[in-house]
Amino acid sequence: MDIDDISAPVSRQLYQEVLDDTAAPMTYKQEPYGFLRASLAPNFQKYLAGQLSWEELTKRTSADFKQMRQVQTVD
């Protein structure tokens, strides 16, 4: 692709930085794959239903996040 074909200034700048190898790697999402479906959503539903306290919700989801992040971390 020719950089002159890109009309948006920010897109053009980003594309040039990628070409120059000066752009930082982009991250699609910050949470581990499956975290929302496997941990956050069901635990939040339990919280909304009065089955979990806020403290228990944060404790469970934090532990799940850390465990899932370790499993999915690529060296």
PDB file of N, CA and C in Angstrom:
ATOM      1  N   MET A   1       0.851  -1.183   0.000  1.00  0.00           N
ATOM      2  CA  MET A   1       0.000   0.000   0.000  1.00  0.00           C
ATOM      3  C   MET A   1       0.891   1.237   0.000  1.00  0.00           C
ATOM      4  N   ASP A   2       0.508   2.202  -0.780  1.00  0.00           N
ATOM      5  CA  ASP A   2       1.227   3.473  -0.834  1.00  0.00           C
ATOM      6  C   ASP A   2       0.703   4.367   0.282  1.00  0.00           C
ATOM      7  N   ILE A   3       1.597   4.935   1.041  1.00  0.00           N
ATOM      8  CA  ILE A   3       1.198   5.772   2.181  1.00  0.00           C
ATOM      9  C   ILE A   3       0.378   6.979   1.734  1.00  0.00           C
ATOM     10  N   ASP A   4       0.575   7.450   0.525  1.00  0.00           N
ATOM     11  CA  ASP A   4      -0.192   8.594   0.017  1.00  0.00           C
ATOM     12  C   ASP A   4      -1.661   8.248  -0.232  1.00  0.00           C
ATOM     13  N   ASP A   5      -1.975   6.945  -0.290  1.00  0.00           N
ATOM     14  CA  ASP A   5      -3.364   6.520  -0.477  1.00  0.00           C
ATOM     15  C   ASP A   5      -4.178   6.594   0.811  1.00  0.00           C
ATOM     16  N   ILE A   6      -3.511   6.801   1.939  1.00  0.00           N
ATOM     17  CA  ILE A   6      -4.195   6.863   3.237  1.00  0.00           C
ATOM     18  C   ILE A   6      -4.600   8.307   3.486  1.00  0.00           C
ATOM     19  N   SER A   7      -5.899   8.551   3.595  1.00  0.00           N
ATOM     20  CA  SER A   7      -6.379   9.937   3.727  1.00  0.00           C
ATOM     21  C   SER A   7      -6.401  10.440   5.169  1.00  0.00           C
ATOM     22  N   ALA A   8      -6.574   9.549   6.125  1.00  0.00           N
ATOM     23  CA  ALA A   8      -6.655   9.969   7.532  1.00  0.00           C
ATOM     24  C   ALA A   8      -5.251  10.230   8.074  1.00  0.00           C
ATOM     25  N   PRO A   9      -5.006  11.420   8.624  1.00  0.00           N
ATOM     26  CA  PRO A   9      -3.662  11.776   9.094  1.00  0.00           C
ATOM     27  C   PRO A   9      -3.113  10.836  10.176  1.00  0.00           C
ATOM     28  N   VAL A  10      -3.951  10.466  11.123  1.00  0.00           N
ATOM     29  CA  VAL A  10      -3.484   9.584  12.202  1.00  0.00           C
ATOM     30  C   VAL A  10      -3.136   8.208  11.636  1.00  0.00           C
ATOM     31  N   SER A  11      -3.973   7.687  10.760  1.00  0.00           N
ATOM     32  CA  SER A  11      -3.699   6.397  10.136  1.00  0.00           C
ATOM     33  C   SER A  11      -2.417   6.456   9.311  1.00  0.00           C
ATOM     34  N   ARG A  12      -2.224   7.549   8.611  1.00  0.00           N
ATOM     35  CA  ARG A  12      -1.019   7.719   7.798  1.00  0.00           C
ATOM     36  C   ARG A  12       0.227   7.728   8.694  1.00  0.00           C
ATOM     37  N   GLN A  13       0.145   8.460   9.803  1.00  0.00           N
ATOM     38  CA  GLN A  13       1.279   8.533  10.723  1.00  0.00           C
ATOM     39  C   GLN A  13       1.573   7.161  11.328  1.00  0.00           C
ATOM     40  N   LEU A  14       0.548   6.469  11.747  1.00  0.00           N
ATOM     41  CA  LEU A  14       0.725   5.142  12.331  1.00  0.00           C
ATOM     42  C   LEU A  14       1.337   4.182  11.314  1.00  0.00           C
ATOM     43  N   TYR A  15       0.837   4.221  10.083  1.00  0.00           N
ATOM     44  CA  TYR A  15       1.363   3.353   9.036  1.00  0.00           C
ATOM     45  C   TYR A  15       2.848   3.659   8.780  1.00  0.00           C
ATOM     46  N   GLN A  16       3.202   4.935   8.766  1.00  0.00           N
ATOM     47  CA  GLN A  16       4.603   5.314   8.565  1.00  0.00           C
ATOM     48  C   GLN A  16       5.467   4.804   9.715  1.00  0.00           C
ATOM     49  N   GLU A  17       4.978   4.888  10.943  1.00  0.00           N
ATOM     50  CA  GLU A  17       5.732   4.399  12.095  1.00  0.00           C
ATOM     51  C   GLU A  17       5.914   2.886  12.032  1.00  0.00           C
ATOM     52  N   VAL A  18       4.910   2.177  11.538  1.00  0.00           N
ATOM     53  CA  VAL A  18       5.043   0.726  11.353  1.00  0.00           C
ATOM     54  C   VAL A  18       6.116   0.452  10.301  1.00  0.00           C
ATOM     55  N   LEU A  19       6.082   1.190   9.202  1.00  0.00           N
ATOM     56  CA  LEU A  19       7.096   1.017   8.159  1.00  0.00           C
ATOM     57  C   LEU A  19       8.500   1.321   8.680  1.00  0.00           C
ATOM     58  N   ASP A  20       8.610   2.333   9.537  1.00  0.00           N
ATOM     59  CA  ASP A  20       9.903   2.734  10.102  1.00  0.00           C
ATOM     60  C   ASP A  20      10.336   1.858  11.273  1.00  0.00           C
ATOM     61  N   ASP A  21       9.473   0.929  11.662  1.00  0.00           N
ATOM     62  CA  ASP A  21       9.715   0.043  12.806  1.00  0.00           C
ATOM     63  C   ASP A  21       9.910   0.822  14.110  1.00  0.00           C
ATOM     64  N   THR A  22       9.127   1.909  14.262  1.00  0.00           N
ATOM     65  CA  THR A  22       9.187   2.707  15.487  1.00  0.00           C
ATOM     66  C   THR A  22       7.879   2.648  16.278  1.00  0.00           C
ATOM     67  N   ALA A  23       6.888   1.917  15.776  1.00  0.00           N
ATOM     68  CA  ALA A  23       5.598   1.813  16.456  1.00  0.00           C
ATOM     69  C   ALA A  23       5.662   0.744  17.538  1.00  0.00           C
ATOM     70  N   ALA A  24       5.033   1.007  18.652  1.00  0.00           N
ATOM     71  CA  ALA A  24       4.939   0.008  19.716  1.00  0.00           C
ATOM     72  C   ALA A  24       3.932  -1.058  19.297  1.00  0.00           C
ATOM     73  N   PRO A  25       4.122  -2.287  19.751  1.00  0.00           N
ATOM     74  CA  PRO A  25       3.141  -3.332  19.416  1.00  0.00           C
ATOM     75  C   PRO A  25       1.753  -2.953  19.928  1.00  0.00           C
ATOM     76  N   MET A  26       0.739  -3.242  19.149  1.00  0.00           N
ATOM     77  CA  MET A  26      -0.624  -2.933  19.536  1.00  0.00           C
ATOM     78  C   MET A  26      -1.213  -4.129  20.287  1.00  0.00           C
ATOM     79  N   THR A  27      -2.047  -3.844  21.253  1.00  0.00           N
ATOM     80  CA  THR A  27      -2.692  -4.891  22.036  1.00  0.00           C
ATOM     81  C   THR A  27      -4.178  -4.858  21.740  1.00  0.00           C
ATOM     82  N   TYR A  28      -4.718  -6.012  21.368  1.00  0.00           N
ATOM     83  CA  TYR A  28      -6.139  -6.085  21.052  1.00  0.00           C
ATOM     84  C   TYR A  28      -6.985  -5.987  22.308  1.00  0.00           C
ATOM     85  N   LYS A  29      -6.645  -6.765  23.305  1.00  0.00           N
ATOM     86  CA  LYS A  29      -7.417  -6.725  24.540  1.00  0.00           C
ATOM     87  C   LYS A  29      -6.503  -6.997  25.722  1.00  0.00           C
ATOM     88  N   GLN A  30      -6.897  -6.514  26.847  1.00  0.00           N
ATOM     89  CA  GLN A  30      -6.056  -6.614  28.025  1.00  0.00           C
ATOM     90  C   GLN A  30      -6.384  -7.817  28.908  1.00  0.00           C
ATOM     91  N   GLU A  31      -7.592  -8.308  28.831  1.00  0.00           N
ATOM     92  CA  GLU A  31      -7.952  -9.423  29.705  1.00  0.00           C
ATOM     93  C   GLU A  31      -7.604 -10.749  29.037  1.00  0.00           C
ATOM     94  N   PRO A  32      -7.340 -11.785  29.842  1.00  0.00           N
ATOM     95  CA  PRO A  32      -7.044 -13.092  29.264  1.00  0.00           C
ATOM     96  C   PRO A  32      -8.237 -13.622  28.459  1.00  0.00           C
ATOM     97  N   TYR A  33      -7.947 -14.413  27.448  1.00  0.00           N
ATOM     98  CA  TYR A  33      -8.989 -14.993  26.608  1.00  0.00           C
ATOM     99  C   TYR A  33      -9.948 -15.814  27.472  1.00  0.00           C
ATOM    100  N   GLY A  34     -11.232 -15.550  27.346  1.00  0.00           N
ATOM    101  CA  GLY A  34     -12.262 -16.287  28.063  1.00  0.00           C
ATOM    102  C   GLY A  34     -12.583 -15.766  29.445  1.00  0.00           C
ATOM    103  N   PHE A  35     -11.853 -14.744  29.916  1.00  0.00           N
ATOM    104  CA  PHE A  35     -12.056 -14.233  31.276  1.00  0.00           C
ATOM    105  C   PHE A  35     -13.477 -13.720  31.495  1.00  0.00           C
ATOM    106  N   LEU A  36     -13.996 -12.981  30.545  1.00  0.00           N
ATOM    107  CA  LEU A  36     -15.341 -12.421  30.693  1.00  0.00           C
ATOM    108  C   LEU A  36     -16.383 -13.527  30.840  1.00  0.00           C
ATOM    109  N   ARG A  37     -16.315 -14.505  29.953  1.00  0.00           N
ATOM    110  CA  ARG A  37     -17.311 -15.575  29.937  1.00  0.00           C
ATOM    111  C   ARG A  37     -17.131 -16.548  31.105  1.00  0.00           C
ATOM    112  N   ALA A  38     -15.885 -16.858  31.442  1.00  0.00           N
ATOM    113  CA  ALA A  38     -15.621 -17.888  32.443  1.00  0.00           C
ATOM    114  C   ALA A  38     -15.641 -17.382  33.880  1.00  0.00           C
ATOM    115  N   SER A  39     -15.358 -16.109  34.084  1.00  0.00           N
ATOM    116  CA  SER A  39     -15.234 -15.611  35.453  1.00  0.00           C
ATOM    117  C   SER A  39     -16.049 -14.354  35.732  1.00  0.00           C
ATOM    118  N   LEU A  40     -15.766 -13.294  34.999  1.00  0.00           N
ATOM    119  CA  LEU A  40     -16.371 -12.006  35.338  1.00  0.00           C
ATOM    120  C   LEU A  40     -17.893 -12.019  35.230  1.00  0.00           C
ATOM    121  N   ALA A  41     -18.418 -12.476  34.099  1.00  0.00           N
ATOM    122  CA  ALA A  41     -19.877 -12.451  33.911  1.00  0.00           C
ATOM    123  C   ALA A  41     -20.620 -13.319  34.930  1.00  0.00           C
ATOM    124  N   PRO A  42     -20.224 -14.588  35.119  1.00  0.00           N
ATOM    125  CA  PRO A  42     -20.979 -15.391  36.085  1.00  0.00           C
ATOM    126  C   PRO A  42     -20.851 -14.887  37.525  1.00  0.00           C
ATOM    127  N   ASN A  43     -19.664 -14.420  37.897  1.00  0.00           N
ATOM    128  CA  ASN A  43     -19.506 -13.910  39.261  1.00  0.00           C
ATOM    129  C   ASN A  43     -20.260 -12.594  39.451  1.00  0.00           C
ATOM    130  N   PHE A  44     -20.311 -11.770  38.422  1.00  0.00           N
ATOM    131  CA  PHE A  44     -21.062 -10.528  38.518  1.00  0.00           C
ATOM    132  C   PHE A  44     -22.560 -10.810  38.636  1.00  0.00           C
ATOM    133  N   GLN A  45     -23.035 -11.809  37.908  1.00  0.00           N
ATOM    134  CA  GLN A  45     -24.443 -12.206  38.031  1.00  0.00           C
ATOM    135  C   GLN A  45     -24.750 -12.660  39.457  1.00  0.00           C
ATOM    136  N   LYS A  46     -23.843 -13.409  40.055  1.00  0.00           N
ATOM    137  CA  LYS A  46     -24.027 -13.849  41.453  1.00  0.00           C
ATOM    138  C   LYS A  46     -24.046 -12.648  42.399  1.00  0.00           C
ATOM    139  N   TYR A  47     -23.192 -11.670  42.118  1.00  0.00           N
ATOM    140  CA  TYR A  47     -23.190 -10.451  42.925  1.00  0.00           C
ATOM    141  C   TYR A  47     -24.525  -9.723  42.799  1.00  0.00           C
ATOM    142  N   LEU A  48     -25.015  -9.572  41.575  1.00  0.00           N
ATOM    143  CA  LEU A  48     -26.292  -8.884  41.355  1.00  0.00           C
ATOM    144  C   LEU A  48     -27.455  -9.622  42.009  1.00  0.00           C
ATOM    145  N   ALA A  49     -27.347 -10.939  42.087  1.00  0.00           N
ATOM    146  CA  ALA A  49     -28.408 -11.749  42.704  1.00  0.00           C
ATOM    147  C   ALA A  49     -28.270 -11.808  44.222  1.00  0.00           C
ATOM    148  N   GLY A  50     -27.245 -11.165  44.770  1.00  0.00           N
ATOM    149  CA  GLY A  50     -27.057 -11.159  46.212  1.00  0.00           C
ATOM    150  C   GLY A  50     -26.376 -12.416  46.737  1.00  0.00           C
ATOM    151  N   GLN A  51     -25.793 -13.211  45.853  1.00  0.00           N
ATOM    152  CA  GLN A  51     -25.138 -14.456  46.266  1.00  0.00           C
ATOM    153  C   GLN A  51     -23.655 -14.262  46.589  1.00  0.00           C
ATOM    154  N   LEU A  52     -23.095 -13.122  46.191  1.00  0.00           N
ATOM    155  CA  LEU A  52     -21.704 -12.786  46.482  1.00  0.00           C
ATOM    156  C   LEU A  52     -21.631 -11.353  46.974  1.00  0.00           C
ATOM    157  N   SER A  53     -20.734 -11.112  47.916  1.00  0.00           N
ATOM    158  CA  SER A  53     -20.460  -9.729  48.314  1.00  0.00           C
ATOM    159  C   SER A  53     -19.513  -9.107  47.292  1.00  0.00           C
ATOM    160  N   TRP A  54     -19.399  -7.787  47.326  1.00  0.00           N
ATOM    161  CA  TRP A  54     -18.479  -7.113  46.418  1.00  0.00           C
ATOM    162  C   TRP A  54     -17.040  -7.594  46.664  1.00  0.00           C
ATOM    163  N   GLU A  55     -16.704  -7.763  47.931  1.00  0.00           N
ATOM    164  CA  GLU A  55     -15.359  -8.221  48.279  1.00  0.00           C
ATOM    165  C   GLU A  55     -15.081  -9.615  47.710  1.00  0.00           C
ATOM    166  N   GLU A  56     -16.061 -10.519  47.811  1.00  0.00           N
ATOM    167  CA  GLU A  56     -15.897 -11.864  47.275  1.00  0.00           C
ATOM    168  C   GLU A  56     -15.819 -11.834  45.742  1.00  0.00           C
ATOM    169  N   LEU A  57     -16.613 -10.984  45.125  1.00  0.00           N
ATOM    170  CA  LEU A  57     -16.557 -10.836  43.663  1.00  0.00           C
ATOM    171  C   LEU A  57     -15.162 -10.411  43.222  1.00  0.00           C
ATOM    172  N   THR A  58     -14.627  -9.375  43.853  1.00  0.00           N
ATOM    173  CA  THR A  58     -13.300  -8.895  43.457  1.00  0.00           C
ATOM    174  C   THR A  58     -12.217  -9.917  43.781  1.00  0.00           C
ATOM    175  N   LYS A  59     -12.363 -10.622  44.881  1.00  0.00           N
ATOM    176  CA  LYS A  59     -11.389 -11.652  45.255  1.00  0.00           C
ATOM    177  C   LYS A  59     -11.376 -12.777  44.222  1.00  0.00           C
ATOM    178  N   ARG A  60     -12.545 -13.274  43.865  1.00  0.00           N
ATOM    179  CA  ARG A  60     -12.640 -14.380  42.902  1.00  0.00           C
ATOM    180  C   ARG A  60     -12.155 -13.974  41.513  1.00  0.00           C
ATOM    181  N   THR A  61     -12.637 -12.830  41.040  1.00  0.00           N
ATOM    182  CA  THR A  61     -12.264 -12.431  39.685  1.00  0.00           C
ATOM    183  C   THR A  61     -10.781 -12.060  39.598  1.00  0.00           C
ATOM    184  N   SER A  62     -10.231 -11.492  40.650  1.00  0.00           N
ATOM    185  CA  SER A  62      -8.794 -11.184  40.653  1.00  0.00           C
ATOM    186  C   SER A  62      -7.961 -12.458  40.607  1.00  0.00           C
ATOM    187  N   ALA A  63      -8.349 -13.443  41.403  1.00  0.00           N
ATOM    188  CA  ALA A  63      -7.626 -14.723  41.404  1.00  0.00           C
ATOM    189  C   ALA A  63      -7.738 -15.409  40.042  1.00  0.00           C
ATOM    190  N   ASP A  64      -8.938 -15.407  39.473  1.00  0.00           N
ATOM    191  CA  ASP A  64      -9.131 -16.013  38.145  1.00  0.00           C
ATOM    192  C   ASP A  64      -8.298 -15.291  37.093  1.00  0.00           C
ATOM    193  N   PHE A  65      -8.297 -13.957  37.157  1.00  0.00           N
ATOM    194  CA  PHE A  65      -7.537 -13.163  36.187  1.00  0.00           C
ATOM    195  C   PHE A  65      -6.053 -13.526  36.260  1.00  0.00           C
ATOM    196  N   LYS A  66      -5.505 -13.560  37.470  1.00  0.00           N
ATOM    197  CA  LYS A  66      -4.082 -13.874  37.637  1.00  0.00           C
ATOM    198  C   LYS A  66      -3.766 -15.268  37.129  1.00  0.00           C
ATOM    199  N   GLN A  67      -4.626 -16.229  37.446  1.00  0.00           N
ATOM    200  CA  GLN A  67      -4.390 -17.608  37.020  1.00  0.00           C
ATOM    201  C   GLN A  67      -4.474 -17.735  35.506  1.00  0.00           C
ATOM    202  N   MET A  68      -5.487 -17.128  34.906  1.00  0.00           N
ATOM    203  CA  MET A  68      -5.652 -17.200  33.457  1.00  0.00           C
ATOM    204  C   MET A  68      -4.525 -16.452  32.737  1.00  0.00           C
ATOM    205  N   ARG A  69      -4.070 -15.351  33.277  1.00  0.00           N
ATOM    206  CA  ARG A  69      -2.985 -14.580  32.681  1.00  0.00           C
ATOM    207  C   ARG A  69      -1.701 -15.406  32.679  1.00  0.00           C
ATOM    208  N   GLN A  70      -1.422 -16.117  33.789  1.00  0.00           N
ATOM    209  CA  GLN A  70      -0.226 -16.950  33.858  1.00  0.00           C
ATOM    210  C   GLN A  70      -0.267 -18.062  32.820  1.00  0.00           C
ATOM    211  N   VAL A  71      -1.416 -18.691  32.666  1.00  0.00           N
ATOM    212  CA  VAL A  71      -1.558 -19.785  31.720  1.00  0.00           C
ATOM    213  C   VAL A  71      -1.381 -19.286  30.293  1.00  0.00           C
ATOM    214  N   GLN A  72      -1.855 -18.084  30.001  1.00  0.00           N
ATOM    215  CA  GLN A  72      -1.854 -17.577  28.633  1.00  0.00           C
ATOM    216  C   GLN A  72      -0.647 -16.707  28.294  1.00  0.00           C
ATOM    217  N   THR A  73       0.245 -16.487  29.235  1.00  0.00           N
ATOM    218  CA  THR A  73       1.408 -15.655  28.975  1.00  0.00           C
ATOM    219  C   THR A  73       2.379 -16.381  28.049  1.00  0.00           C
ATOM    220  N   VAL A  74       2.809 -15.668  27.028  1.00  0.00           N
ATOM    221  CA  VAL A  74       3.756 -16.219  26.059  1.00  0.00           C
ATOM    222  C   VAL A  74       5.115 -15.593  26.313  1.00  0.00           C
ATOM    223  N   ASP A  75       6.119 -16.409  26.419  1.00  0.00           N
ATOM    224  CA  ASP A  75       7.484 -15.886  26.633  1.00  0.00           C
ATOM    225  C   ASP A  75       8.113 -15.514  25.318  1.00  0.00           C
TER     226      ASP A  75
END
